[in-house]
Amino acid sequence: MPKVRMFVPVVAFTLGVASLAGAQVLDAPDPAQMEDAPDLGYRPVPHGLQIPDGLEMGAPSSVVWTSRNQLVVFNRGPNPLMAFEADGTFVRAWGQGGDYIRPHGMRLDPDGNIWTTDVNGHTVRKMTLDGEVLLTIGTHGQAGDATDGLLNEPTDLTINATGEVFVLVGHGRGEPRLVKFDRAGKLMKSWGGPGTGPGKFDTPHSIVVDQAGLLYVADRQNRRVQIFDDEGTYIKEWAFKGLPCGLHLHDDQQMYLASGFAGEILRLDENGKALGRTGQPGKGLGEFGEAHYMTMAPNGDIWVADTVRPALHRFVKK
């Protein structure tokens, strides 16, 4: 069996991170957690981003590729949001000054705006590509129930074609639920709760919506992706060996999954079966502590945020 290193509780509590029951950070591949699939046809390369001297990037939490053909890295350092041109040139940083406590998920809406989740700050923010905040859901630093206008550990979100916002909450201490808002941030409904049955969650960690309006939720500790309609009706689920961390729907058609501690990037078919895989746990180039969230550049490069190693990974076609 491969060697593993466990999360150190003292560090976790210092950072305000919820304990991950049973989670192990692998130092080498573990066949019991890895999918049986052919090689995806990618190889790792250095990320090539030109970070100015004196400007720190913390542990990358999430990444998106914007309509400006720029990569935005959401990270747990003093400059939470950092933008780069396609050639790696630094553009700008924002979100400093205590705006975020623990950056987590980041998405783009159909209009190209950036949305972020702050899991310990208990807020969701919508902003322009220039960083102007247009909407905040929740109250910074205050955990609570959505019926009171609050959030409890929001992890990820998605926005459908009509502008409805679907937010996952409950990263370990908060009750795990999927909360639906209208485009103005008004609560519409929520569903979920702790458990292993259909429609229940154990650390709902990532969510995407497809062209048909179906919602795909990475139910991490339950090792599955659950699929719902936009009113919360359970449809089906896909089972995985590892812990599904980050879903990515490329060009509204092709589904990818970052399988956290298994250290895999998986390309999935319409039934959730892995068509291809790349990556593994470890400390070398392209090897993961935790494959957290991912995105794809217009040229097909895969970018992966790794919160544990920590590192920003880039994979290019062979």
C-alpha atoms as a PDB file:
ATOM      1  CA  MET A   1       0.000   0.000   0.000  1.00  0.00           C
ATOM      2  CA  PRO A   2       1.223   3.537  -0.701  1.00  0.00           C
ATOM      3  CA  LYS A   3       2.440   5.684   2.112  1.00  0.00           C
ATOM      4  CA  VAL A   4       0.050   8.359   3.320  1.00  0.00           C
ATOM      5  CA  ARG A   5       0.409  11.463   5.409  1.00  0.00           C
ATOM      6  CA  MET A   6      -2.547  12.522   7.479  1.00  0.00           C
ATOM      7  CA  PHE A   7      -3.788  16.062   7.929  1.00  0.00           C
ATOM      8  CA  VAL A   8      -2.232  17.564  11.041  1.00  0.00           C
ATOM      9  CA  PRO A   9      -5.117  18.644  13.326  1.00  0.00           C
ATOM     10  CA  VAL A  10      -3.218  21.574  14.848  1.00  0.00           C
ATOM     11  CA  VAL A  11      -2.615  23.091  11.421  1.00  0.00           C
ATOM     12  CA  ALA A  12      -6.188  22.446  10.350  1.00  0.00           C
ATOM     13  CA  PHE A  13      -7.653  24.190  13.366  1.00  0.00           C
ATOM     14  CA  THR A  14      -5.233  27.087  13.069  1.00  0.00           C
ATOM     15  CA  LEU A  15      -6.454  27.699   9.535  1.00  0.00           C
ATOM     16  CA  GLY A  16     -10.067  27.270  10.549  1.00  0.00           C
ATOM     17  CA  VAL A  17     -10.410  24.232   8.297  1.00  0.00           C
ATOM     18  CA  ALA A  18     -13.060  21.630   9.060  1.00  0.00           C
ATOM     19  CA  SER A  19     -11.690  18.165   9.740  1.00  0.00           C
ATOM     20  CA  LEU A  20     -11.945  15.800   6.787  1.00  0.00           C
ATOM     21  CA  ALA A  21     -13.070  12.556   8.329  1.00  0.00           C
ATOM     22  CA  GLY A  22     -11.117   9.655   6.901  1.00  0.00           C
ATOM     23  CA  ALA A  23      -9.336  11.796   4.296  1.00  0.00           C
ATOM     24  CA  GLN A  24      -5.727  10.963   3.589  1.00  0.00           C
ATOM     25  CA  VAL A  25      -3.170  12.926   1.620  1.00  0.00           C
ATOM     26  CA  LEU A  26      -1.454  10.314  -0.516  1.00  0.00           C
ATOM     27  CA  ASP A  27       2.233  10.293  -1.356  1.00  0.00           C
ATOM     28  CA  ALA A  28       1.788   7.755  -4.157  1.00  0.00           C
ATOM     29  CA  PRO A  29      -1.028   6.275  -6.261  1.00  0.00           C
ATOM     30  CA  ASP A  30      -3.613   4.175  -4.440  1.00  0.00           C
ATOM     31  CA  PRO A  31      -5.392   1.786  -6.844  1.00  0.00           C
ATOM     32  CA  ALA A  32      -8.310   1.532  -4.440  1.00  0.00           C
ATOM     33  CA  GLN A  33      -9.093   5.233  -5.020  1.00  0.00           C
ATOM     34  CA  MET A  34      -8.244   5.561  -8.716  1.00  0.00           C
ATOM     35  CA  GLU A  35     -10.521   4.967 -11.682  1.00  0.00           C
ATOM     36  CA  ASP A  36      -9.766   2.401 -14.371  1.00  0.00           C
ATOM     37  CA  ALA A  37      -9.431   4.503 -17.528  1.00  0.00           C
ATOM     38  CA  PRO A  38      -6.959   5.036 -20.380  1.00  0.00           C
ATOM     39  CA  ASP A  39      -4.465   7.884 -20.434  1.00  0.00           C
ATOM     40  CA  LEU A  40      -6.110  11.229 -21.168  1.00  0.00           C
ATOM     41  CA  GLY A  41      -3.300  12.299 -23.476  1.00  0.00           C
ATOM     42  CA  TYR A  42      -1.870  15.145 -21.382  1.00  0.00           C
ATOM     43  CA  ARG A  43       1.485  15.846 -19.749  1.00  0.00           C
ATOM     44  CA  PRO A  44       2.350  18.248 -16.913  1.00  0.00           C
ATOM     45  CA  VAL A  45       4.446  21.378 -17.497  1.00  0.00           C
ATOM     46  CA  PRO A  46       5.442  24.286 -15.213  1.00  0.00           C
ATOM     47  CA  HIS A  47       2.583  26.789 -14.996  1.00  0.00           C
ATOM     48  CA  GLY A  48       4.692  29.636 -16.427  1.00  0.00           C
ATOM     49  CA  LEU A  49       2.836  32.455 -14.656  1.00  0.00           C
ATOM     50  CA  GLN A  50       4.894  35.600 -14.148  1.00  0.00           C
ATOM     51  CA  ILE A  51       4.231  36.547 -10.532  1.00  0.00           C
ATOM     52  CA  PRO A  52       5.866  39.900  -9.734  1.00  0.00           C
ATOM     53  CA  ASP A  53       8.522  40.067  -7.027  1.00  0.00           C
ATOM     54  CA  GLY A  54       6.974  40.827  -3.665  1.00  0.00           C
ATOM     55  CA  LEU A  55       3.508  39.660  -4.744  1.00  0.00           C
ATOM     56  CA  GLU A  56       2.545  36.412  -3.071  1.00  0.00           C
ATOM     57  CA  MET A  57       0.173  33.757  -4.372  1.00  0.00           C
ATOM     58  CA  GLY A  58      -1.157  31.518  -1.613  1.00  0.00           C
ATOM     59  CA  ALA A  59      -2.558  28.014  -1.907  1.00  0.00           C
ATOM     60  CA  PRO A  60      -4.646  27.963  -5.104  1.00  0.00           C
ATOM     61  CA  SER A  61      -8.255  27.093  -4.366  1.00  0.00           C
ATOM     62  CA  SER A  62      -9.982  27.566  -7.726  1.00  0.00           C
ATOM     63  CA  VAL A  63      -9.330  28.732 -11.290  1.00  0.00           C
ATOM     64  CA  VAL A  64     -11.425  30.102 -14.173  1.00  0.00           C
ATOM     65  CA  TRP A  65     -10.675  31.227 -17.718  1.00  0.00           C
ATOM     66  CA  THR A  66     -12.560  34.439 -18.504  1.00  0.00           C
ATOM     67  CA  SER A  67     -14.022  35.956 -21.675  1.00  0.00           C
ATOM     68  CA  ARG A  68     -10.965  38.234 -21.777  1.00  0.00           C
ATOM     69  CA  ASN A  69      -8.826  35.126 -22.367  1.00  0.00           C
ATOM     70  CA  GLN A  70      -7.317  35.587 -18.925  1.00  0.00           C
ATOM     71  CA  LEU A  71      -6.722  33.059 -16.176  1.00  0.00           C
ATOM     72  CA  VAL A  72      -7.971  34.071 -12.719  1.00  0.00           C
ATOM     73  CA  VAL A  73      -6.540  32.217  -9.712  1.00  0.00           C
ATOM     74  CA  PHE A  74      -8.502  32.302  -6.445  1.00  0.00           C
ATOM     75  CA  ASN A  75      -5.985  31.630  -3.670  1.00  0.00           C
ATOM     76  CA  ARG A  76      -5.518  31.643   0.100  1.00  0.00           C
ATOM     77  CA  GLY A  77      -2.813  34.276   0.221  1.00  0.00           C
ATOM     78  CA  PRO A  78      -2.744  38.061   0.745  1.00  0.00           C
ATOM     79  CA  ASN A  79      -3.865  38.607  -2.882  1.00  0.00           C
ATOM     80  CA  PRO A  80      -6.936  36.359  -3.123  1.00  0.00           C
ATOM     81  CA  LEU A  81      -7.743  37.029  -6.788  1.00  0.00           C
ATOM     82  CA  MET A  82      -4.944  37.209  -9.362  1.00  0.00           C
ATOM     83  CA  ALA A  83      -5.401  37.557 -13.126  1.00  0.00           C
ATOM     84  CA  PHE A  84      -2.925  36.589 -15.860  1.00  0.00           C
ATOM     85  CA  GLU A  85      -2.842  36.864 -19.643  1.00  0.00           C
ATOM     86  CA  ALA A  86      -2.726  33.706 -21.734  1.00  0.00           C
ATOM     87  CA  ASP A  87       1.069  34.079 -22.054  1.00  0.00           C
ATOM     88  CA  GLY A  88       1.442  34.193 -18.256  1.00  0.00           C
ATOM     89  CA  THR A  89       1.849  37.974 -17.946  1.00  0.00           C
ATOM     90  CA  PHE A  90       0.511  39.287 -14.643  1.00  0.00           C
ATOM     91  CA  VAL A  91      -2.478  41.618 -15.018  1.00  0.00           C
ATOM     92  CA  ARG A  92      -3.751  42.558 -11.572  1.00  0.00           C
ATOM     93  CA  ALA A  93      -4.686  41.338  -8.099  1.00  0.00           C
ATOM     94  CA  TRP A  94      -7.661  42.223  -5.920  1.00  0.00           C
ATOM     95  CA  GLY A  95      -9.661  41.093  -2.899  1.00  0.00           C
ATOM     96  CA  GLN A  96      -7.022  42.192  -0.366  1.00  0.00           C
ATOM     97  CA  GLY A  97      -7.718  43.772   3.011  1.00  0.00           C
ATOM     98  CA  GLY A  98      -9.738  41.048   4.676  1.00  0.00           C
ATOM     99  CA  ASP A  99     -12.345  40.533   1.964  1.00  0.00           C
ATOM    100  CA  TYR A 100     -11.888  36.763   2.301  1.00  0.00           C
ATOM    101  CA  ILE A 101     -11.205  34.433   5.201  1.00  0.00           C
ATOM    102  CA  ARG A 102     -10.852  31.117   3.349  1.00  0.00           C
ATOM    103  CA  PRO A 103     -11.288  31.262  -0.440  1.00  0.00           C
ATOM    104  CA  HIS A 104     -12.901  28.163  -1.865  1.00  0.00           C
ATOM    105  CA  GLY A 105     -14.921  27.977  -5.099  1.00  0.00           C
ATOM    106  CA  MET A 106     -15.115  30.318  -8.094  1.00  0.00           C
ATOM    107  CA  ARG A 107     -17.385  30.294 -11.163  1.00  0.00           C
ATOM    108  CA  LEU A 108     -18.409  32.412 -14.130  1.00  0.00           C
ATOM    109  CA  ASP A 109     -22.041  33.188 -14.882  1.00  0.00           C
ATOM    110  CA  PRO A 110     -23.572  33.280 -18.405  1.00  0.00           C
ATOM    111  CA  ASP A 111     -22.773  37.020 -18.589  1.00  0.00           C
ATOM    112  CA  GLY A 112     -19.096  36.431 -17.767  1.00  0.00           C
ATOM    113  CA  ASN A 113     -19.158  37.780 -14.202  1.00  0.00           C
ATOM    114  CA  ILE A 114     -17.015  36.136 -11.512  1.00  0.00           C
ATOM    115  CA  TRP A 115     -18.654  34.529  -8.462  1.00  0.00           C
ATOM    116  CA  THR A 116     -16.682  33.390  -5.404  1.00  0.00           C
ATOM    117  CA  THR A 117     -17.403  31.420  -2.250  1.00  0.00           C
ATOM    118  CA  ASP A 118     -15.670  32.101   1.062  1.00  0.00           C
ATOM    119  CA  VAL A 119     -16.183  28.953   3.114  1.00  0.00           C
ATOM    120  CA  ASN A 120     -15.151  30.449   6.474  1.00  0.00           C
ATOM    121  CA  GLY A 121     -16.363  33.951   5.615  1.00  0.00           C
ATOM    122  CA  HIS A 122     -19.811  32.456   4.893  1.00  0.00           C
ATOM    123  CA  THR A 123     -20.399  34.624   1.824  1.00  0.00           C
ATOM    124  CA  VAL A 124     -20.905  34.433  -1.914  1.00  0.00           C
ATOM    125  CA  ARG A 125     -19.794  37.398  -4.028  1.00  0.00           C
ATOM    126  CA  LYS A 126     -20.669  38.335  -7.602  1.00  0.00           C
ATOM    127  CA  MET A 127     -18.279  40.763  -9.310  1.00  0.00           C
ATOM    128  CA  THR A 128     -17.315  42.133 -12.682  1.00  0.00           C
ATOM    129  CA  LEU A 129     -14.068  41.093 -14.340  1.00  0.00           C
ATOM    130  CA  ASP A 130     -12.627  44.353 -12.980  1.00  0.00           C
ATOM    131  CA  GLY A 131     -13.457  43.298  -9.419  1.00  0.00           C
ATOM    132  CA  GLU A 132     -16.482  45.535  -8.801  1.00  0.00           C
ATOM    133  CA  VAL A 133     -18.766  43.688  -6.373  1.00  0.00           C
ATOM    134  CA  LEU A 134     -22.308  43.553  -7.732  1.00  0.00           C
ATOM    135  CA  LEU A 135     -23.976  41.267  -5.188  1.00  0.00           C
ATOM    136  CA  THR A 136     -23.164  39.622  -1.858  1.00  0.00           C
ATOM    137  CA  ILE A 137     -25.160  36.733  -0.422  1.00  0.00           C
ATOM    138  CA  GLY A 138     -24.660  36.196   3.301  1.00  0.00           C
ATOM    139  CA  THR A 139     -22.892  38.310   5.915  1.00  0.00           C
ATOM    140  CA  HIS A 140     -19.106  38.292   6.129  1.00  0.00           C
ATOM    141  CA  GLY A 141     -17.896  36.202   9.066  1.00  0.00           C
ATOM    142  CA  GLN A 142     -21.397  35.230  10.239  1.00  0.00           C
ATOM    143  CA  ALA A 143     -22.657  31.670   9.796  1.00  0.00           C
ATOM    144  CA  GLY A 144     -26.352  30.959   9.728  1.00  0.00           C
ATOM    145  CA  ASP A 145     -29.404  29.679   7.911  1.00  0.00           C
ATOM    146  CA  ALA A 146     -30.461  30.887   4.473  1.00  0.00           C
ATOM    147  CA  THR A 147     -33.948  31.668   5.791  1.00  0.00           C
ATOM    148  CA  ASP A 148     -32.253  34.389   7.869  1.00  0.00           C
ATOM    149  CA  GLY A 149     -30.272  35.722   4.906  1.00  0.00           C
ATOM    150  CA  LEU A 150     -27.101  33.902   5.979  1.00  0.00           C
ATOM    151  CA  LEU A 151     -24.944  31.062   4.699  1.00  0.00           C
ATOM    152  CA  ASN A 152     -23.007  28.368   6.547  1.00  0.00           C
ATOM    153  CA  GLU A 153     -19.765  27.291   4.860  1.00  0.00           C
ATOM    154  CA  PRO A 154     -20.548  27.852   1.170  1.00  0.00           C
ATOM    155  CA  THR A 155     -18.267  25.677  -0.954  1.00  0.00           C
ATOM    156  CA  ASP A 156     -19.303  26.172  -4.584  1.00  0.00           C
ATOM    157  CA  LEU A 157     -22.057  27.550  -6.787  1.00  0.00           C
ATOM    158  CA  THR A 158     -23.433  27.561 -10.290  1.00  0.00           C
ATOM    159  CA  ILE A 159     -25.749  29.848 -12.266  1.00  0.00           C
ATOM    160  CA  ASN A 160     -28.241  28.555 -14.817  1.00  0.00           C
ATOM    161  CA  ALA A 161     -29.318  30.166 -18.092  1.00  0.00           C
ATOM    162  CA  THR A 162     -32.137  32.127 -16.411  1.00  0.00           C
ATOM    163  CA  GLY A 163     -29.819  33.584 -13.739  1.00  0.00           C
ATOM    164  CA  GLU A 164     -30.901  31.394 -10.833  1.00  0.00           C
ATOM    165  CA  VAL A 165     -28.062  30.774  -8.381  1.00  0.00           C
ATOM    166  CA  PHE A 166     -27.437  27.384  -6.748  1.00  0.00           C
ATOM    167  CA  VAL A 167     -25.104  27.415  -3.731  1.00  0.00           C
ATOM    168  CA  LEU A 168     -23.695  24.432  -1.869  1.00  0.00           C
ATOM    169  CA  VAL A 169     -23.250  24.882   1.885  1.00  0.00           C
ATOM    170  CA  GLY A 170     -21.872  22.718   4.686  1.00  0.00           C
ATOM    171  CA  HIS A 171     -18.170  21.933   4.519  1.00  0.00           C
ATOM    172  CA  GLY A 172     -18.094  19.880   7.705  1.00  0.00           C
ATOM    173  CA  ARG A 173     -19.663  21.934  10.470  1.00  0.00           C
ATOM    174  CA  GLY A 174     -22.610  23.512   8.681  1.00  0.00           C
ATOM    175  CA  GLU A 175     -25.596  21.424   7.593  1.00  0.00           C
ATOM    176  CA  PRO A 176     -24.952  20.188   4.035  1.00  0.00           C
ATOM    177  CA  ARG A 177     -27.576  21.578   1.666  1.00  0.00           C
ATOM    178  CA  LEU A 178     -28.132  22.947  -1.811  1.00  0.00           C
ATOM    179  CA  VAL A 179     -29.661  26.443  -1.653  1.00  0.00           C
ATOM    180  CA  LYS A 180     -31.424  28.089  -4.592  1.00  0.00           C
ATOM    181  CA  PHE A 181     -31.625  31.890  -5.042  1.00  0.00           C
ATOM    182  CA  ASP A 182     -33.043  34.113  -7.743  1.00  0.00           C
ATOM    183  CA  ARG A 183     -30.763  36.428  -9.720  1.00  0.00           C
ATOM    184  CA  ALA A 184     -31.144  39.152  -7.062  1.00  0.00           C
ATOM    185  CA  GLY A 185     -29.996  36.832  -4.264  1.00  0.00           C
ATOM    186  CA  LYS A 186     -33.483  36.174  -2.856  1.00  0.00           C
ATOM    187  CA  LEU A 187     -33.942  32.732  -1.328  1.00  0.00           C
ATOM    188  CA  MET A 188     -36.190  30.431  -3.356  1.00  0.00           C
ATOM    189  CA  LYS A 189     -35.743  27.000  -1.746  1.00  0.00           C
ATOM    190  CA  SER A 190     -33.184  24.515  -0.437  1.00  0.00           C
ATOM    191  CA  TRP A 191     -32.823  20.765  -0.105  1.00  0.00           C
ATOM    192  CA  GLY A 192     -30.482  18.166   1.309  1.00  0.00           C
ATOM    193  CA  GLY A 193     -29.347  17.535   4.856  1.00  0.00           C
ATOM    194  CA  PRO A 194     -26.783  15.043   6.191  1.00  0.00           C
ATOM    195  CA  GLY A 195     -26.908  11.432   5.106  1.00  0.00           C
ATOM    196  CA  THR A 196     -26.061   8.871   2.467  1.00  0.00           C
ATOM    197  CA  GLY A 197     -29.419   8.371   0.779  1.00  0.00           C
ATOM    198  CA  PRO A 198     -30.654  10.035  -2.409  1.00  0.00           C
ATOM    199  CA  GLY A 199     -30.761  13.811  -2.014  1.00  0.00           C
ATOM    200  CA  LYS A 200     -28.671  13.774   1.173  1.00  0.00           C
ATOM    201  CA  PHE A 201     -25.085  15.018   1.379  1.00  0.00           C
ATOM    202  CA  ASP A 202     -21.793  14.602   3.173  1.00  0.00           C
ATOM    203  CA  THR A 203     -19.653  17.617   2.206  1.00  0.00           C
ATOM    204  CA  PRO A 204     -21.260  18.827  -1.039  1.00  0.00           C
ATOM    205  CA  HIS A 205     -18.169  20.281  -2.671  1.00  0.00           C
ATOM    206  CA  SER A 206     -18.758  21.204  -6.325  1.00  0.00           C
ATOM    207  CA  ILE A 207     -21.685  21.926  -8.639  1.00  0.00           C
ATOM    208  CA  VAL A 208     -22.265  22.575 -12.346  1.00  0.00           C
ATOM    209  CA  VAL A 209     -25.390  22.969 -14.481  1.00  0.00           C
ATOM    210  CA  ASP A 210     -25.769  21.641 -18.026  1.00  0.00           C
ATOM    211  CA  GLN A 211     -27.663  23.036 -21.017  1.00  0.00           C
ATOM    212  CA  ALA A 212     -30.771  21.108 -20.019  1.00  0.00           C
ATOM    213  CA  GLY A 213     -30.735  22.740 -16.575  1.00  0.00           C
ATOM    214  CA  LEU A 214     -29.693  19.590 -14.707  1.00  0.00           C
ATOM    215  CA  LEU A 215     -27.524  20.078 -11.618  1.00  0.00           C
ATOM    216  CA  TYR A 216     -24.497  17.871 -10.939  1.00  0.00           C
ATOM    217  CA  VAL A 217     -23.270  17.882  -7.320  1.00  0.00           C
ATOM    218  CA  ALA A 218     -19.954  16.383  -6.196  1.00  0.00           C
ATOM    219  CA  ASP A 219     -21.025  14.818  -2.894  1.00  0.00           C
ATOM    220  CA  ARG A 220     -17.446  14.395  -1.779  1.00  0.00           C
ATOM    221  CA  GLN A 221     -17.373  12.233   1.334  1.00  0.00           C
ATOM    222  CA  ASN A 222     -20.141  10.034  -0.110  1.00  0.00           C
ATOM    223  CA  ARG A 223     -17.861   9.410  -3.124  1.00  0.00           C
ATOM    224  CA  ARG A 224     -20.505  10.217  -5.689  1.00  0.00           C
ATOM    225  CA  VAL A 225     -21.977  12.838  -7.991  1.00  0.00           C
ATOM    226  CA  GLN A 226     -25.713  13.362  -7.555  1.00  0.00           C
ATOM    227  CA  ILE A 227     -27.885  14.766 -10.359  1.00  0.00           C
ATOM    228  CA  PHE A 228     -31.023  16.864  -9.745  1.00  0.00           C
ATOM    229  CA  ASP A 229     -33.435  18.985 -11.711  1.00  0.00           C
ATOM    230  CA  ASP A 230     -33.567  22.680 -10.818  1.00  0.00           C
ATOM    231  CA  GLU A 231     -36.351  22.111  -8.272  1.00  0.00           C
ATOM    232  CA  GLY A 232     -34.353  19.545  -6.323  1.00  0.00           C
ATOM    233  CA  THR A 233     -35.850  16.334  -7.696  1.00  0.00           C
ATOM    234  CA  TYR A 234     -33.267  13.561  -7.422  1.00  0.00           C
ATOM    235  CA  ILE A 235     -32.630  11.869 -10.773  1.00  0.00           C
ATOM    236  CA  LYS A 236     -29.606   9.584 -10.420  1.00  0.00           C
ATOM    237  CA  GLU A 237     -26.047   9.379  -9.146  1.00  0.00           C
ATOM    238  CA  TRP A 238     -22.584   8.317 -10.273  1.00  0.00           C
ATOM    239  CA  ALA A 239     -20.270   6.439  -7.902  1.00  0.00           C
ATOM    240  CA  PHE A 240     -16.504   6.985  -7.728  1.00  0.00           C
ATOM    241  CA  LYS A 241     -13.640   5.279  -5.910  1.00  0.00           C
ATOM    242  CA  GLY A 242     -12.034   8.543  -4.798  1.00  0.00           C
ATOM    243  CA  LEU A 243     -13.401  11.758  -3.318  1.00  0.00           C
ATOM    244  CA  PRO A 244     -14.968  13.921  -6.072  1.00  0.00           C
ATOM    245  CA  CYS A 245     -13.779  17.487  -5.483  1.00  0.00           C
ATOM    246  CA  GLY A 246     -14.179  19.702  -8.544  1.00  0.00           C
ATOM    247  CA  LEU A 247     -16.567  19.375 -11.487  1.00  0.00           C
ATOM    248  CA  HIS A 248     -15.917  21.238 -14.730  1.00  0.00           C
ATOM    249  CA  LEU A 249     -18.240  21.335 -17.754  1.00  0.00           C
ATOM    250  CA  HIS A 250     -16.194  22.378 -20.785  1.00  0.00           C
ATOM    251  CA  ASP A 251     -18.007  24.220 -23.578  1.00  0.00           C
ATOM    252  CA  ASP A 252     -21.297  23.126 -21.952  1.00  0.00           C
ATOM    253  CA  GLN A 253     -20.710  19.627 -23.273  1.00  0.00           C
ATOM    254  CA  GLN A 254     -17.754  17.688 -21.880  1.00  0.00           C
ATOM    255  CA  MET A 255     -17.697  16.846 -18.164  1.00  0.00           C
ATOM    256  CA  TYR A 256     -14.432  16.672 -16.217  1.00  0.00           C
ATOM    257  CA  LEU A 257     -13.829  15.809 -12.569  1.00  0.00           C
ATOM    258  CA  ALA A 258     -10.920  16.626 -10.277  1.00  0.00           C
ATOM    259  CA  SER A 259     -10.795  13.639  -7.934  1.00  0.00           C
ATOM    260  CA  GLY A 260      -9.164  15.233  -4.889  1.00  0.00           C
ATOM    261  CA  PHE A 261      -6.828  13.011  -2.917  1.00  0.00           C
ATOM    262  CA  ALA A 262      -6.715  10.335  -5.617  1.00  0.00           C
ATOM    263  CA  GLY A 263      -4.906  13.035  -7.585  1.00  0.00           C
ATOM    264  CA  GLU A 264      -6.748  12.377 -10.823  1.00  0.00           C
ATOM    265  CA  ILE A 265      -8.265  14.515 -13.550  1.00  0.00           C
ATOM    266  CA  LEU A 266     -11.019  12.462 -15.185  1.00  0.00           C
ATOM    267  CA  ARG A 267     -12.911  12.971 -18.419  1.00  0.00           C
ATOM    268  CA  LEU A 268     -16.417  11.525 -18.023  1.00  0.00           C
ATOM    269  CA  ASP A 269     -19.042  10.235 -20.427  1.00  0.00           C
ATOM    270  CA  GLU A 270     -22.774  10.960 -20.151  1.00  0.00           C
ATOM    271  CA  ASN A 271     -23.127   8.167 -17.586  1.00  0.00           C
ATOM    272  CA  GLY A 272     -20.261   9.300 -15.365  1.00  0.00           C
ATOM    273  CA  LYS A 273     -17.822   6.642 -16.569  1.00  0.00           C
ATOM    274  CA  ALA A 274     -14.189   7.747 -16.814  1.00  0.00           C
ATOM    275  CA  LEU A 275     -13.126   7.925 -20.458  1.00  0.00           C
ATOM    276  CA  GLY A 276      -9.603   9.094 -19.637  1.00  0.00           C
ATOM    277  CA  ARG A 277      -7.441  10.072 -16.716  1.00  0.00           C
ATOM    278  CA  THR A 278      -4.255  11.962 -15.924  1.00  0.00           C
ATOM    279  CA  GLY A 279      -2.359  12.813 -12.754  1.00  0.00           C
ATOM    280  CA  GLN A 280      -1.537  11.040  -9.519  1.00  0.00           C
ATOM    281  CA  PRO A 281      -0.695  11.859  -5.906  1.00  0.00           C
ATOM    282  CA  GLY A 282       2.849  12.874  -5.068  1.00  0.00           C
ATOM    283  CA  LYS A 283       5.280  15.775  -4.892  1.00  0.00           C
ATOM    284  CA  GLY A 284       6.634  15.848  -8.449  1.00  0.00           C
ATOM    285  CA  LEU A 285       5.595  17.921 -11.436  1.00  0.00           C
ATOM    286  CA  GLY A 286       1.896  17.372 -12.085  1.00  0.00           C
ATOM    287  CA  GLU A 287       1.427  15.309  -8.921  1.00  0.00           C
ATOM    288  CA  PHE A 288      -1.194  16.348  -6.402  1.00  0.00           C
ATOM    289  CA  GLY A 289      -1.777  16.867  -2.725  1.00  0.00           C
ATOM    290  CA  GLU A 290      -5.433  17.523  -3.529  1.00  0.00           C
ATOM    291  CA  ALA A 291      -6.855  18.160  -6.989  1.00  0.00           C
ATOM    292  CA  HIS A 292      -9.383  20.755  -5.788  1.00  0.00           C
ATOM    293  CA  TYR A 293     -10.927  22.621  -8.763  1.00  0.00           C
ATOM    294  CA  MET A 294      -9.992  22.818 -12.453  1.00  0.00           C
ATOM    295  CA  THR A 295     -10.631  24.732 -15.654  1.00  0.00           C
ATOM    296  CA  MET A 296      -9.641  24.469 -19.313  1.00  0.00           C
ATOM    297  CA  ALA A 297      -8.064  27.188 -21.451  1.00  0.00           C
ATOM    298  CA  PRO A 298      -9.332  27.863 -24.981  1.00  0.00           C
ATOM    299  CA  ASN A 299      -6.287  26.010 -26.333  1.00  0.00           C
ATOM    300  CA  GLY A 300      -7.207  22.889 -24.341  1.00  0.00           C
ATOM    301  CA  ASP A 301      -4.669  23.240 -21.509  1.00  0.00           C
ATOM    302  CA  ILE A 302      -5.941  21.955 -18.161  1.00  0.00           C
ATOM    303  CA  TRP A 303      -5.290  24.093 -15.070  1.00  0.00           C
ATOM    304  CA  VAL A 304      -5.794  22.633 -11.602  1.00  0.00           C
ATOM    305  CA  ALA A 305      -5.817  24.332  -8.197  1.00  0.00           C
ATOM    306  CA  ASP A 306      -4.206  22.207  -5.473  1.00  0.00           C
ATOM    307  CA  THR A 307      -4.865  23.475  -1.949  1.00  0.00           C
ATOM    308  CA  VAL A 308      -2.827  20.873  -0.074  1.00  0.00           C
ATOM    309  CA  ARG A 309       0.531  20.611  -1.809  1.00  0.00           C
ATOM    310  CA  PRO A 310      -0.035  23.589  -2.480  1.00  0.00           C
ATOM    311  CA  ALA A 311       0.482  24.255  -6.192  1.00  0.00           C
ATOM    312  CA  LEU A 312      -1.051  25.433  -9.431  1.00  0.00           C
ATOM    313  CA  HIS A 313      -0.815  22.662 -12.009  1.00  0.00           C
ATOM    314  CA  ARG A 314      -0.875  22.916 -15.794  1.00  0.00           C
ATOM    315  CA  PHE A 315      -1.310  20.049 -18.238  1.00  0.00           C
ATOM    316  CA  VAL A 316      -0.874  20.311 -22.013  1.00  0.00           C
ATOM    317  CA  LYS A 317      -1.780  17.875 -24.760  1.00  0.00           C
ATOM    318  CA  LYS A 318       0.922  15.361 -25.655  1.00  0.00           C
END
